[in-house]
PDB file of N, CA and C in Angstrom:
ATOM      1  N   MET A   1     -98.893 -13.944  73.526  1.00  0.00           N
ATOM      2  CA  MET A   1     -99.173 -13.618  74.985  1.00  0.00           C
ATOM      3  C   MET A   1    -100.309 -13.760  74.008  1.00  0.00           C
ATOM      4  N   ILE A   2    -101.297 -13.708  72.601  1.00  0.00           N
ATOM      5  CA  ILE A   2    -101.669 -13.828  72.347  1.00  0.00           C
ATOM      6  C   ILE A   2    -102.235 -15.308  72.894  1.00  0.00           C
ATOM      7  N   ALA A   3    -101.461 -16.864  72.203  1.00  0.00           N
ATOM      8  CA  ALA A   3    -102.329 -18.137  72.282  1.00  0.00           C
ATOM      9  C   ALA A   3    -102.769 -18.342  73.664  1.00  0.00           C
ATOM     10  N   PHE A   4    -101.988 -17.043  74.913  1.00  0.00           N
ATOM     11  CA  PHE A   4    -102.180 -17.052  76.499  1.00  0.00           C
ATOM     12  C   PHE A   4    -103.096 -16.609  77.055  1.00  0.00           C
ATOM     13  N   ARG A   5    -103.612 -15.104  76.317  1.00  0.00           N
ATOM     14  CA  ARG A   5    -105.039 -14.428  76.291  1.00  0.00           C
ATOM     15  C   ARG A   5    -105.917 -15.471  75.608  1.00  0.00           C
ATOM     16  N   THR A   6    -106.135 -15.794  75.025  1.00  0.00           N
ATOM     17  CA  THR A   6    -107.084 -17.176  73.803  1.00  0.00           C
ATOM     18  C   THR A   6    -107.229 -18.337  75.231  1.00  0.00           C
ATOM     19  N   GLY A   7    -106.317 -18.393  75.386  1.00  0.00           N
ATOM     20  CA  GLY A   7    -106.598 -20.329  76.233  1.00  0.00           C
ATOM     21  C   GLY A   7    -106.072 -20.611  75.245  1.00  0.00           C
ATOM     22  N   ALA A   8    -105.083 -20.528  74.200  1.00  0.00           N
ATOM     23  CA  ALA A   8    -104.433 -21.594  73.300  1.00  0.00           C
ATOM     24  C   ALA A   8    -103.417 -22.076  74.342  1.00  0.00           C
ATOM     25  N   VAL A   9    -103.354 -22.019  75.516  1.00  0.00           N
ATOM     26  CA  VAL A   9    -101.530 -22.300  75.872  1.00  0.00           C
ATOM     27  C   VAL A   9    -102.167 -21.768  77.599  1.00  0.00           C
ATOM     28  N   GLU A  10    -101.557 -23.003  78.550  1.00  0.00           N
ATOM     29  CA  GLU A  10    -101.140 -22.502  79.491  1.00  0.00           C
ATOM     30  C   GLU A  10    -100.278 -21.232  80.803  1.00  0.00           C
ATOM     31  N   ALA A  11    -100.532 -20.830  81.397  1.00  0.00           N
ATOM     32  CA  ALA A  11     -99.216 -19.839  81.538  1.00  0.00           C
ATOM     33  C   ALA A  11     -98.170 -20.848  81.978  1.00  0.00           C
ATOM     34  N   ASP A  12     -98.181 -22.187  82.721  1.00  0.00           N
ATOM     35  CA  ASP A  12     -96.764 -23.005  83.466  1.00  0.00           C
ATOM     36  C   ASP A  12     -96.115 -23.072  81.360  1.00  0.00           C
ATOM     37  N   GLN A  13     -96.786 -23.480  80.700  1.00  0.00           N
ATOM     38  CA  GLN A  13     -96.597 -23.969  79.241  1.00  0.00           C
ATOM     39  C   GLN A  13     -95.551 -22.664  78.706  1.00  0.00           C
ATOM     40  N   LEU A  14     -96.422 -21.251  78.318  1.00  0.00           N
ATOM     41  CA  LEU A  14     -96.072 -20.873  78.132  1.00  0.00           C
ATOM     42  C   LEU A  14     -94.012 -20.320  78.929  1.00  0.00           C
ATOM     43  N   ALA A  15     -94.599 -20.060  79.787  1.00  0.00           N
ATOM     44  CA  ALA A  15     -93.643 -19.253  80.828  1.00  0.00           C
ATOM     45  C   ALA A  15     -92.101 -19.954  80.743  1.00  0.00           C
ATOM     46  N   GLU A  16     -92.526 -21.855  81.136  1.00  0.00           N
ATOM     47  CA  GLU A  16     -91.040 -22.271  80.900  1.00  0.00           C
ATOM     48  C   GLU A  16     -90.966 -22.589  79.120  1.00  0.00           C
ATOM     49  N   THR A  17     -91.153 -22.023  77.668  1.00  0.00           N
ATOM     50  CA  THR A  17     -91.560 -22.160  76.745  1.00  0.00           C
ATOM     51  C   THR A  17     -90.434 -21.393  76.191  1.00  0.00           C
ATOM     52  N   CYS A  18     -90.777 -20.172  76.990  1.00  0.00           N
ATOM     53  CA  CYS A  18     -90.087 -18.885  77.157  1.00  0.00           C
ATOM     54  C   CYS A  18     -89.088 -19.115  78.259  1.00  0.00           C
ATOM     55  N   ALA A  19     -88.289 -19.679  78.895  1.00  0.00           N
ATOM     56  CA  ALA A  19     -88.027 -19.566  80.063  1.00  0.00           C
ATOM     57  C   ALA A  19     -86.425 -20.677  78.617  1.00  0.00           C
ATOM     58  N   LEU A  20     -86.912 -21.180  78.221  1.00  0.00           N
ATOM     59  CA  LEU A  20     -86.445 -22.065  77.229  1.00  0.00           C
ATOM     60  C   LEU A  20     -86.011 -21.520  76.579  1.00  0.00           C
ATOM     61  N   GLY A  21     -86.564 -20.258  75.878  1.00  0.00           N
ATOM     62  CA  GLY A  21     -85.824 -19.137  74.806  1.00  0.00           C
ATOM     63  C   GLY A  21     -85.501 -20.559  73.631  1.00  0.00           C
ATOM     64  N   SER A  22     -84.365 -19.950  72.098  1.00  0.00           N
ATOM     65  CA  SER A  22     -83.695 -20.099  71.501  1.00  0.00           C
ATOM     66  C   SER A  22     -82.987 -19.440  71.170  1.00  0.00           C
ATOM     67  N   ALA A  23     -82.096 -20.315  71.898  1.00  0.00           N
ATOM     68  CA  ALA A  23     -79.986 -19.512  71.946  1.00  0.00           C
ATOM     69  C   ALA A  23     -79.994 -18.736  70.815  1.00  0.00           C
ATOM     70  N   ASP A  24     -80.434 -18.851  69.353  1.00  0.00           N
ATOM     71  CA  ASP A  24     -80.103 -17.643  68.535  1.00  0.00           C
ATOM     72  C   ASP A  24     -81.018 -17.054  68.257  1.00  0.00           C
ATOM     73  N   GLY A  25     -82.268 -17.053  68.441  1.00  0.00           N
ATOM     74  CA  GLY A  25     -82.851 -16.583  68.458  1.00  0.00           C
ATOM     75  C   GLY A  25     -84.015 -17.210  66.928  1.00  0.00           C
ATOM     76  N   SER A  26     -84.008 -17.835  66.705  1.00  0.00           N
ATOM     77  CA  SER A  26     -83.696 -18.263  65.033  1.00  0.00           C
ATOM     78  C   SER A  26     -85.571 -18.640  65.437  1.00  0.00           C
ATOM     79  N   VAL A  27     -85.762 -19.393  65.444  1.00  0.00           N
ATOM     80  CA  VAL A  27     -86.770 -19.910  65.817  1.00  0.00           C
ATOM     81  C   VAL A  27     -87.833 -19.315  67.273  1.00  0.00           C
ATOM     82  N   SER A  28     -89.074 -19.366  66.060  1.00  0.00           N
ATOM     83  CA  SER A  28     -90.128 -18.531  66.716  1.00  0.00           C
ATOM     84  C   SER A  28     -90.807 -19.147  68.573  1.00  0.00           C
ATOM     85  N   LEU A  29     -91.584 -17.738  69.263  1.00  0.00           N
ATOM     86  CA  LEU A  29     -92.379 -18.736  69.813  1.00  0.00           C
ATOM     87  C   LEU A  29     -93.198 -19.143  69.751  1.00  0.00           C
ATOM     88  N   SER A  30     -93.675 -18.692  68.967  1.00  0.00           N
ATOM     89  CA  SER A  30     -95.083 -20.273  68.600  1.00  0.00           C
ATOM     90  C   SER A  30     -94.615 -21.958  67.443  1.00  0.00           C
ATOM     91  N   ASP A  31     -93.713 -21.917  66.913  1.00  0.00           N
ATOM     92  CA  ASP A  31     -93.022 -22.882  67.032  1.00  0.00           C
ATOM     93  C   ASP A  31     -92.321 -23.004  67.600  1.00  0.00           C
ATOM     94  N   ARG A  32     -91.718 -22.715  68.184  1.00  0.00           N
ATOM     95  CA  ARG A  32     -91.711 -23.202  69.557  1.00  0.00           C
ATOM     96  C   ARG A  32     -92.639 -23.904  70.768  1.00  0.00           C
ATOM     97  N   LEU A  33     -93.248 -23.600  70.705  1.00  0.00           N
ATOM     98  CA  LEU A  33     -94.441 -24.101  71.448  1.00  0.00           C
ATOM     99  C   LEU A  33     -95.028 -25.224  70.537  1.00  0.00           C
ATOM    100  N   VAL A  34     -95.225 -24.998  69.213  1.00  0.00           N
ATOM    101  CA  VAL A  34     -95.805 -26.099  68.264  1.00  0.00           C
ATOM    102  C   VAL A  34     -94.917 -27.154  68.900  1.00  0.00           C
ATOM    103  N   ASP A  35     -93.529 -26.822  68.966  1.00  0.00           N
ATOM    104  CA  ASP A  35     -92.740 -28.083  68.663  1.00  0.00           C
ATOM    105  C   ASP A  35     -92.793 -29.306  70.078  1.00  0.00           C
ATOM    106  N   ARG A  36     -92.971 -27.932  70.946  1.00  0.00           N
ATOM    107  CA  ARG A  36     -92.990 -28.764  72.649  1.00  0.00           C
ATOM    108  C   ARG A  36     -94.627 -29.349  72.899  1.00  0.00           C
ATOM    109  N   GLY A  37     -95.349 -29.426  71.424  1.00  0.00           N
ATOM    110  CA  GLY A  37     -96.646 -29.541  71.778  1.00  0.00           C
ATOM    111  C   GLY A  37     -97.527 -28.839  72.735  1.00  0.00           C
ATOM    112  N   CYS A  38     -97.313 -27.584  72.491  1.00  0.00           N
ATOM    113  CA  CYS A  38     -98.086 -27.141  73.494  1.00  0.00           C
ATOM    114  C   CYS A  38     -99.882 -25.768  72.535  1.00  0.00           C
ATOM    115  N   LEU A  39     -98.463 -26.264  71.676  1.00  0.00           N
ATOM    116  CA  LEU A  39    -100.294 -25.506  70.195  1.00  0.00           C
ATOM    117  C   LEU A  39     -99.978 -26.753  68.889  1.00  0.00           C
ATOM    118  N   THR A  40    -101.587 -26.708  68.243  1.00  0.00           N
ATOM    119  CA  THR A  40    -100.558 -27.446  66.957  1.00  0.00           C
ATOM    120  C   THR A  40    -100.852 -26.584  66.234  1.00  0.00           C
ATOM    121  N   ILE A  41    -100.319 -27.033  64.657  1.00  0.00           N
ATOM    122  CA  ILE A  41    -100.673 -26.107  64.027  1.00  0.00           C
ATOM    123  C   ILE A  41    -101.745 -25.611  63.222  1.00  0.00           C
ATOM    124  N   GLU A  42    -102.757 -25.639  63.870  1.00  0.00           N
ATOM    125  CA  GLU A  42    -103.960 -24.329  63.765  1.00  0.00           C
ATOM    126  C   GLU A  42    -104.296 -24.117  64.524  1.00  0.00           C
ATOM    127  N   GLN A  43    -103.611 -24.034  65.665  1.00  0.00           N
ATOM    128  CA  GLN A  43    -103.625 -23.981  67.296  1.00  0.00           C
ATOM    129  C   GLN A  43    -103.176 -22.075  66.590  1.00  0.00           C
ATOM    130  N   LYS A  44    -101.879 -22.606  66.102  1.00  0.00           N
ATOM    131  CA  LYS A  44    -100.685 -21.150  65.797  1.00  0.00           C
ATOM    132  C   LYS A  44    -100.833 -20.829  64.601  1.00  0.00           C
ATOM    133  N   THR A  45    -101.407 -21.498  63.911  1.00  0.00           N
ATOM    134  CA  THR A  45    -101.857 -20.667  62.565  1.00  0.00           C
ATOM    135  C   THR A  45    -103.062 -19.744  62.292  1.00  0.00           C
ATOM    136  N   ARG A  46    -103.804 -19.708  63.340  1.00  0.00           N
ATOM    137  CA  ARG A  46    -104.551 -19.239  64.047  1.00  0.00           C
ATOM    138  C   ARG A  46    -104.064 -17.709  65.267  1.00  0.00           C
ATOM    139  N   VAL A  47    -103.299 -18.432  65.447  1.00  0.00           N
ATOM    140  CA  VAL A  47    -102.954 -16.802  66.385  1.00  0.00           C
ATOM    141  C   VAL A  47    -101.996 -15.985  66.004  1.00  0.00           C
ATOM    142  N   GLU A  48    -101.445 -16.525  65.426  1.00  0.00           N
ATOM    143  CA  GLU A  48    -100.401 -15.788  64.469  1.00  0.00           C
ATOM    144  C   GLU A  48    -101.320 -14.318  63.221  1.00  0.00           C
ATOM    145  N   SER A  49    -102.725 -15.296  63.553  1.00  0.00           N
ATOM    146  CA  SER A  49    -103.756 -14.577  62.125  1.00  0.00           C
ATOM    147  C   SER A  49    -104.126 -13.521  63.632  1.00  0.00           C
ATOM    148  N   LEU A  50    -104.597 -13.901  64.697  1.00  0.00           N
ATOM    149  CA  LEU A  50    -105.014 -12.932  65.383  1.00  0.00           C
ATOM    150  C   LEU A  50    -103.859 -12.080  65.476  1.00  0.00           C
ATOM    151  N   GLY A  51    -102.701 -12.125  66.324  1.00  0.00           N
ATOM    152  CA  GLY A  51    -101.282 -11.032  66.026  1.00  0.00           C
ATOM    153  C   GLY A  51    -101.811  -9.742  64.647  1.00  0.00           C
ATOM    154  N   ALA A  52    -101.900 -10.634  63.385  1.00  0.00           N
ATOM    155  CA  ALA A  52    -101.327  -9.873  62.334  1.00  0.00           C
ATOM    156  C   ALA A  52    -102.744  -8.547  62.118  1.00  0.00           C
ATOM    157  N   GLU A  53    -103.707  -9.548  63.244  1.00  0.00           N
ATOM    158  CA  GLU A  53    -105.068  -8.606  62.648  1.00  0.00           C
ATOM    159  C   GLU A  53    -104.531  -7.054  63.885  1.00  0.00           C
ATOM    160  N   LYS A  54    -103.914  -7.630  65.618  1.00  0.00           N
ATOM    161  CA  LYS A  54    -104.489  -6.865  66.374  1.00  0.00           C
ATOM    162  C   LYS A  54    -103.060  -5.943  65.354  1.00  0.00           C
ATOM    163  N   CYS A  55    -101.751  -6.392  65.443  1.00  0.00           N
ATOM    164  CA  CYS A  55    -100.883  -4.789  64.673  1.00  0.00           C
ATOM    165  C   CYS A  55    -102.022  -4.228  63.501  1.00  0.00           C
ATOM    166  N   GLN A  56    -102.351  -4.484  62.740  1.00  0.00           N
ATOM    167  CA  GLN A  56    -103.290  -3.844  61.829  1.00  0.00           C
ATOM    168  C   GLN A  56    -103.842  -3.155  62.177  1.00  0.00           C
ATOM    169  N   GLU A  57    -105.115  -3.068  63.610  1.00  0.00           N
ATOM    170  CA  GLU A  57    -105.618  -2.109  63.698  1.00  0.00           C
ATOM    171  C   GLU A  57    -105.212  -1.879  64.951  1.00  0.00           C
ATOM    172  N   ARG A  58    -103.529  -1.839  64.949  1.00  0.00           N
ATOM    173  CA  ARG A  58    -103.381  -0.921  65.937  1.00  0.00           C
ATOM    174  C   ARG A  58    -102.357   0.013  65.377  1.00  0.00           C
ATOM    175  N   PHE A  59    -101.814   0.178  63.558  1.00  0.00           N
ATOM    176  CA  PHE A  59    -101.379   0.283  62.945  1.00  0.00           C
ATOM    177  C   PHE A  59    -103.055   1.545  62.136  1.00  0.00           C
ATOM    178  N   LEU A  60    -103.483   1.566  62.300  1.00  0.00           N
ATOM    179  CA  LEU A  60    -104.660   1.988  61.842  1.00  0.00           C
ATOM    180  C   LEU A  60    -105.302   3.001  62.471  1.00  0.00           C
ATOM    181  N   ASP A  61    -105.392   2.954  63.723  1.00  0.00           N
ATOM    182  CA  ASP A  61    -105.687   3.773  65.216  1.00  0.00           C
ATOM    183  C   ASP A  61    -104.463   4.751  65.050  1.00  0.00           C
ATOM    184  N   LYS A  62    -103.424   4.296  64.653  1.00  0.00           N
ATOM    185  CA  LYS A  62    -102.155   5.457  65.070  1.00  0.00           C
ATOM    186  C   LYS A  62    -102.069   5.671  63.636  1.00  0.00           C
ATOM    187  N   GLU A  63    -102.869   5.993  62.348  1.00  0.00           N
ATOM    188  CA  GLU A  63    -102.833   6.415  61.449  1.00  0.00           C
ATOM    189  C   GLU A  63    -104.467   7.929  61.754  1.00  0.00           C
ATOM    190  N   ARG A  64    -105.225   7.237  62.601  1.00  0.00           N
ATOM    191  CA  ARG A  64    -106.154   8.000  62.364  1.00  0.00           C
ATOM    192  C   ARG A  64    -105.541   8.976  62.984  1.00  0.00           C
ATOM    193  N   VAL A  65    -104.852   9.020  64.442  1.00  0.00           N
ATOM    194  CA  VAL A  65    -104.707  10.415  65.425  1.00  0.00           C
ATOM    195  C   VAL A  65    -103.682  10.853  64.394  1.00  0.00           C
ATOM    196  N   THR A  66    -102.528  10.263  63.960  1.00  0.00           N
ATOM    197  CA  THR A  66    -102.085  11.173  63.283  1.00  0.00           C
ATOM    198  C   THR A  66    -101.826  12.117  61.861  1.00  0.00           C
ATOM    199  N   ARG A  67    -103.618  11.729  61.899  1.00  0.00           N
ATOM    200  CA  ARG A  67    -103.857  13.043  61.213  1.00  0.00           C
ATOM    201  C   ARG A  67    -105.122  13.703  61.100  1.00  0.00           C
TER     202      ARG A  67
END
């Protein structure tokens, strides 16, 4: 979703890649987007970095609330 929100991929590219899926779930969505030519390696790295930042922000927010 971050790839879509940042404009790295179009909605149809994301939808098609999700629809194709990974039979055993062993290939990440970002890797499948790269394999299909929807994302470059550089874009994938940036999207994954943004995702990690968002997770960290949410974790810290929850920590503040539970104190």
